[in-house]
Amino acid sequence: MAVVKTITIREDQEEWLEKNYINLSKFVRVKLDEEIAKRARAERGEREREGGEKEDGE
């Protein structure tokens, strides 16, 4: 399901988007997915470190 959000950008940002034929909605979705994946990897790494310490008896 899609959710509609509104953001405010500067005029120079709008001009850059138009000049470079960038779809802002798609750009934001891609960047959010990248950040979500990055944080998920970091969280898994923390859990693995914590789990590894417990499994080793430390």
PDB file of N, CA and C in Angstrom:
ATOM      1  N   MET A   1       0.848  -1.179   0.000  1.00  0.00           N
ATOM      2  CA  MET A   1       0.000   0.000   0.000  1.00  0.00           C
ATOM      3  C   MET A   1       0.894   1.243   0.000  1.00  0.00           C
ATOM      4  N   ALA A   2       0.564   2.202  -0.784  1.00  0.00           N
ATOM      5  CA  ALA A   2       1.328   3.444  -0.884  1.00  0.00           C
ATOM      6  C   ALA A   2       0.832   4.458   0.146  1.00  0.00           C
ATOM      7  N   VAL A   3       1.759   5.250   0.631  1.00  0.00           N
ATOM      8  CA  VAL A   3       1.461   6.333   1.562  1.00  0.00           C
ATOM      9  C   VAL A   3       1.959   7.612   0.920  1.00  0.00           C
ATOM     10  N   VAL A   4       1.167   8.649   0.986  1.00  0.00           N
ATOM     11  CA  VAL A   4       1.549   9.926   0.396  1.00  0.00           C
ATOM     12  C   VAL A   4       2.127  10.819   1.487  1.00  0.00           C
ATOM     13  N   LYS A   5       3.322  11.357   1.235  1.00  0.00           N
ATOM     14  CA  LYS A   5       3.975  12.286   2.147  1.00  0.00           C
ATOM     15  C   LYS A   5       4.335  13.531   1.354  1.00  0.00           C
ATOM     16  N   THR A   6       4.436  14.650   2.028  1.00  0.00           N
ATOM     17  CA  THR A   6       4.823  15.901   1.384  1.00  0.00           C
ATOM     18  C   THR A   6       6.142  16.368   1.982  1.00  0.00           C
ATOM     19  N   ILE A   7       7.080  16.769   1.113  1.00  0.00           N
ATOM     20  CA  ILE A   7       8.341  17.324   1.590  1.00  0.00           C
ATOM     21  C   ILE A   7       8.539  18.682   0.938  1.00  0.00           C
ATOM     22  N   THR A   8       9.389  19.477   1.537  1.00  0.00           N
ATOM     23  CA  THR A   8       9.712  20.791   1.002  1.00  0.00           C
ATOM     24  C   THR A   8      11.173  20.784   0.563  1.00  0.00           C
ATOM     25  N   ILE A   9      11.419  21.221  -0.657  1.00  0.00           N
ATOM     26  CA  ILE A   9      12.789  21.342  -1.155  1.00  0.00           C
ATOM     27  C   ILE A   9      13.011  22.774  -1.628  1.00  0.00           C
ATOM     28  N   ARG A  10      14.280  23.123  -1.723  1.00  0.00           N
ATOM     29  CA  ARG A  10      14.612  24.466  -2.198  1.00  0.00           C
ATOM     30  C   ARG A  10      14.450  24.541  -3.719  1.00  0.00           C
ATOM     31  N   GLU A  11      14.391  25.758  -4.240  1.00  0.00           N
ATOM     32  CA  GLU A  11      14.256  25.957  -5.682  1.00  0.00           C
ATOM     33  C   GLU A  11      15.445  25.391  -6.442  1.00  0.00           C
ATOM     34  N   ASP A  12      16.670  25.572  -5.897  1.00  0.00           N
ATOM     35  CA  ASP A  12      17.841  25.048  -6.585  1.00  0.00           C
ATOM     36  C   ASP A  12      17.813  23.520  -6.641  1.00  0.00           C
ATOM     37  N   GLN A  13      17.247  22.900  -5.612  1.00  0.00           N
ATOM     38  CA  GLN A  13      17.115  21.447  -5.624  1.00  0.00           C
ATOM     39  C   GLN A  13      16.110  21.008  -6.687  1.00  0.00           C
ATOM     40  N   GLU A  14      15.019  21.735  -6.794  1.00  0.00           N
ATOM     41  CA  GLU A  14      14.026  21.433  -7.828  1.00  0.00           C
ATOM     42  C   GLU A  14      14.632  21.572  -9.218  1.00  0.00           C
ATOM     43  N   GLU A  15      15.382  22.631  -9.423  1.00  0.00           N
ATOM     44  CA  GLU A  15      16.030  22.848 -10.722  1.00  0.00           C
ATOM     45  C   GLU A  15      16.995  21.713 -11.042  1.00  0.00           C
ATOM     46  N   TRP A  16      17.762  21.281 -10.050  1.00  0.00           N
ATOM     47  CA  TRP A  16      18.721  20.193 -10.256  1.00  0.00           C
ATOM     48  C   TRP A  16      17.993  18.905 -10.620  1.00  0.00           C
ATOM     49  N   LEU A  17      16.906  18.619  -9.921  1.00  0.00           N
ATOM     50  CA  LEU A  17      16.122  17.417 -10.216  1.00  0.00           C
ATOM     51  C   LEU A  17      15.601  17.446 -11.654  1.00  0.00           C
ATOM     52  N   GLU A  18      15.053  18.583 -12.047  1.00  0.00           N
ATOM     53  CA  GLU A  18      14.518  18.715 -13.403  1.00  0.00           C
ATOM     54  C   GLU A  18      15.627  18.622 -14.444  1.00  0.00           C
ATOM     55  N   LYS A  19      16.737  19.291 -14.197  1.00  0.00           N
ATOM     56  CA  LYS A  19      17.865  19.285 -15.132  1.00  0.00           C
ATOM     57  C   LYS A  19      18.408  17.872 -15.333  1.00  0.00           C
ATOM     58  N   ASN A  20      18.384  17.073 -14.287  1.00  0.00           N
ATOM     59  CA  ASN A  20      18.938  15.729 -14.337  1.00  0.00           C
ATOM     60  C   ASN A  20      17.876  14.648 -14.534  1.00  0.00           C
ATOM     61  N   TYR A  21      16.659  15.052 -14.832  1.00  0.00           N
ATOM     62  CA  TYR A  21      15.551  14.126 -15.115  1.00  0.00           C
ATOM     63  C   TYR A  21      15.379  13.088 -14.011  1.00  0.00           C
ATOM     64  N   ILE A  22      15.407  13.557 -12.764  1.00  0.00           N
ATOM     65  CA  ILE A  22      15.283  12.660 -11.622  1.00  0.00           C
ATOM     66  C   ILE A  22      13.871  12.741 -11.060  1.00  0.00           C
ATOM     67  N   ASN A  23      13.274  11.563 -10.885  1.00  0.00           N
ATOM     68  CA  ASN A  23      11.965  11.458 -10.265  1.00  0.00           C
ATOM     69  C   ASN A  23      12.192  11.480  -8.752  1.00  0.00           C
ATOM     70  N   LEU A  24      11.756  12.524  -8.087  1.00  0.00           N
ATOM     71  CA  LEU A  24      12.022  12.695  -6.669  1.00  0.00           C
ATOM     72  C   LEU A  24      11.418  11.575  -5.832  1.00  0.00           C
ATOM     73  N   SER A  25      10.239  11.164  -6.156  1.00  0.00           N
ATOM     74  CA  SER A  25       9.589  10.098  -5.401  1.00  0.00           C
ATOM     75  C   SER A  25      10.407   8.806  -5.469  1.00  0.00           C
ATOM     76  N   LYS A  26      10.829   8.441  -6.667  1.00  0.00           N
ATOM     77  CA  LYS A  26      11.637   7.232  -6.823  1.00  0.00           C
ATOM     78  C   LYS A  26      12.979   7.388  -6.116  1.00  0.00           C
ATOM     79  N   PHE A  27      13.589   8.557  -6.241  1.00  0.00           N
ATOM     80  CA  PHE A  27      14.876   8.829  -5.608  1.00  0.00           C
ATOM     81  C   PHE A  27      14.785   8.639  -4.097  1.00  0.00           C
ATOM     82  N   VAL A  28      13.750   9.176  -3.491  1.00  0.00           N
ATOM     83  CA  VAL A  28      13.572   9.063  -2.041  1.00  0.00           C
ATOM     84  C   VAL A  28      13.322   7.611  -1.650  1.00  0.00           C
ATOM     85  N   ARG A  29      12.504   6.885  -2.405  1.00  0.00           N
ATOM     86  CA  ARG A  29      12.246   5.472  -2.103  1.00  0.00           C
ATOM     87  C   ARG A  29      13.534   4.652  -2.145  1.00  0.00           C
ATOM     88  N   VAL A  30      14.362   4.884  -3.168  1.00  0.00           N
ATOM     89  CA  VAL A  30      15.627   4.148  -3.297  1.00  0.00           C
ATOM     90  C   VAL A  30      16.537   4.466  -2.106  1.00  0.00           C
ATOM     91  N   LYS A  31      16.669   5.742  -1.773  1.00  0.00           N
ATOM     92  CA  LYS A  31      17.533   6.133  -0.659  1.00  0.00           C
ATOM     93  C   LYS A  31      17.015   5.580   0.672  1.00  0.00           C
ATOM     94  N   LEU A  32      15.712   5.561   0.867  1.00  0.00           N
ATOM     95  CA  LEU A  32      15.149   4.981   2.084  1.00  0.00           C
ATOM     96  C   LEU A  32      15.452   3.492   2.156  1.00  0.00           C
ATOM     97  N   ASP A  33      15.289   2.787   1.038  1.00  0.00           N
ATOM     98  CA  ASP A  33      15.599   1.355   1.010  1.00  0.00           C
ATOM     99  C   ASP A  33      17.065   1.110   1.350  1.00  0.00           C
ATOM    100  N   GLU A  34      17.957   1.937   0.808  1.00  0.00           N
ATOM    101  CA  GLU A  34      19.385   1.798   1.104  1.00  0.00           C
ATOM    102  C   GLU A  34      19.655   1.999   2.597  1.00  0.00           C
ATOM    103  N   GLU A  35      19.049   3.012   3.179  1.00  0.00           N
ATOM    104  CA  GLU A  35      19.259   3.303   4.603  1.00  0.00           C
ATOM    105  C   GLU A  35      18.663   2.201   5.478  1.00  0.00           C
ATOM    106  N   ILE A  36      17.494   1.707   5.112  1.00  0.00           N
ATOM    107  CA  ILE A  36      16.864   0.616   5.862  1.00  0.00           C
ATOM    108  C   ILE A  36      17.759  -0.616   5.832  1.00  0.00           C
ATOM    109  N   ALA A  37      18.300  -0.958   4.664  1.00  0.00           N
ATOM    110  CA  ALA A  37      19.177  -2.125   4.536  1.00  0.00           C
ATOM    111  C   ALA A  37      20.459  -1.923   5.345  1.00  0.00           C
ATOM    112  N   LYS A  38      21.019  -0.727   5.297  1.00  0.00           N
ATOM    113  CA  LYS A  38      22.250  -0.420   6.034  1.00  0.00           C
ATOM    114  C   LYS A  38      22.033  -0.589   7.534  1.00  0.00           C
ATOM    115  N   ARG A  39      20.934  -0.072   8.026  1.00  0.00           N
ATOM    116  CA  ARG A  39      20.664  -0.172   9.461  1.00  0.00           C
ATOM    117  C   ARG A  39      20.338  -1.606   9.872  1.00  0.00           C
ATOM    118  N   ALA A  40      19.669  -2.342   8.996  1.00  0.00           N
ATOM    119  CA  ALA A  40      19.367  -3.749   9.288  1.00  0.00           C
ATOM    120  C   ALA A  40      20.665  -4.547   9.383  1.00  0.00           C
ATOM    121  N   ARG A  41      21.617  -4.284   8.469  1.00  0.00           N
ATOM    122  CA  ARG A  41      22.914  -4.969   8.524  1.00  0.00           C
ATOM    123  C   ARG A  41      23.638  -4.630   9.824  1.00  0.00           C
ATOM    124  N   ALA A  42      23.593  -3.364  10.217  1.00  0.00           N
ATOM    125  CA  ALA A  42      24.263  -2.939  11.451  1.00  0.00           C
ATOM    126  C   ALA A  42      23.615  -3.614  12.659  1.00  0.00           C
ATOM    127  N   GLU A  43      22.300  -3.687  12.677  1.00  0.00           N
ATOM    128  CA  GLU A  43      21.601  -4.340  13.791  1.00  0.00           C
ATOM    129  C   GLU A  43      21.933  -5.823  13.844  1.00  0.00           C
ATOM    130  N   ARG A  44      21.982  -6.490  12.692  1.00  0.00           N
ATOM    131  CA  ARG A  44      22.331  -7.914  12.655  1.00  0.00           C
ATOM    132  C   ARG A  44      23.750  -8.111  13.170  1.00  0.00           C
ATOM    133  N   GLY A  45      24.645  -7.224  12.782  1.00  0.00           N
ATOM    134  CA  GLY A  45      26.025  -7.304  13.243  1.00  0.00           C
ATOM    135  C   GLY A  45      26.122  -7.170  14.749  1.00  0.00           C
ATOM    136  N   GLU A  46      25.350  -6.272  15.327  1.00  0.00           N
ATOM    137  CA  GLU A  46      25.355  -6.091  16.780  1.00  0.00           C
ATOM    138  C   GLU A  46      24.805  -7.324  17.467  1.00  0.00           C
ATOM    139  N   ARG A  47      23.716  -7.884  16.944  1.00  0.00           N
ATOM    140  CA  ARG A  47      23.131  -9.089  17.545  1.00  0.00           C
ATOM    141  C   ARG A  47      24.084 -10.264  17.428  1.00  0.00           C
ATOM    142  N   GLU A  48      24.776 -10.375  16.289  1.00  0.00           N
ATOM    143  CA  GLU A  48      25.713 -11.479  16.112  1.00  0.00           C
ATOM    144  C   GLU A  48      26.870 -11.355  17.095  1.00  0.00           C
ATOM    145  N   ARG A  49      27.365 -10.139  17.311  1.00  0.00           N
ATOM    146  CA  ARG A  49      28.441  -9.935  18.279  1.00  0.00           C
ATOM    147  C   ARG A  49      27.961 -10.279  19.684  1.00  0.00           C
ATOM    148  N   GLU A  50      26.764  -9.807  20.018  1.00  0.00           N
ATOM    149  CA  GLU A  50      26.213 -10.107  21.347  1.00  0.00           C
ATOM    150  C   GLU A  50      25.973 -11.601  21.489  1.00  0.00           C
ATOM    151  N   GLY A  51      25.409 -12.212  20.472  1.00  0.00           N
ATOM    152  CA  GLY A  51      25.135 -13.641  20.508  1.00  0.00           C
ATOM    153  C   GLY A  51      26.415 -14.442  20.560  1.00  0.00           C
ATOM    154  N   GLY A  52      27.439 -14.023  19.839  1.00  0.00           N
ATOM    155  CA  GLY A  52      28.713 -14.717  19.831  1.00  0.00           C
ATOM    156  C   GLY A  52      29.372 -14.704  21.198  1.00  0.00           C
ATOM    157  N   GLU A  53      29.260 -13.573  21.885  1.00  0.00           N
ATOM    158  CA  GLU A  53      29.859 -13.484  23.213  1.00  0.00           C
ATOM    159  C   GLU A  53      29.159 -14.425  24.173  1.00  0.00           C
ATOM    160  N   LYS A  54      27.842 -14.500  24.091  1.00  0.00           N
ATOM    161  CA  LYS A  54      27.081 -15.367  24.985  1.00  0.00           C
ATOM    162  C   LYS A  54      27.366 -16.831  24.685  1.00  0.00           C
ATOM    163  N   GLU A  55      27.457 -17.180  23.401  1.00  0.00           N
ATOM    164  CA  GLU A  55      27.703 -18.559  23.019  1.00  0.00           C
ATOM    165  C   GLU A  55      29.085 -19.005  23.452  1.00  0.00           C
ATOM    166  N   ASP A  56      30.055 -18.115  23.447  1.00  0.00           N
ATOM    167  CA  ASP A  56      31.412 -18.453  23.835  1.00  0.00           C
ATOM    168  C   ASP A  56      31.588 -18.478  25.349  1.00  0.00           C
ATOM    169  N   GLY A  57      30.566 -18.042  26.057  1.00  0.00           N
ATOM    170  CA  GLY A  57      30.635 -18.026  27.504  1.00  0.00           C
ATOM    171  C   GLY A  57      31.359 -16.829  28.067  1.00  0.00           C
ATOM    172  N   GLU A  58      31.596 -15.817  27.265  1.00  0.00           N
ATOM    173  CA  GLU A  58      32.291 -14.617  27.742  1.00  0.00           C
ATOM    174  C   GLU A  58      31.332 -13.622  28.304  1.00  0.00           C
TER     175      GLU A  58
END
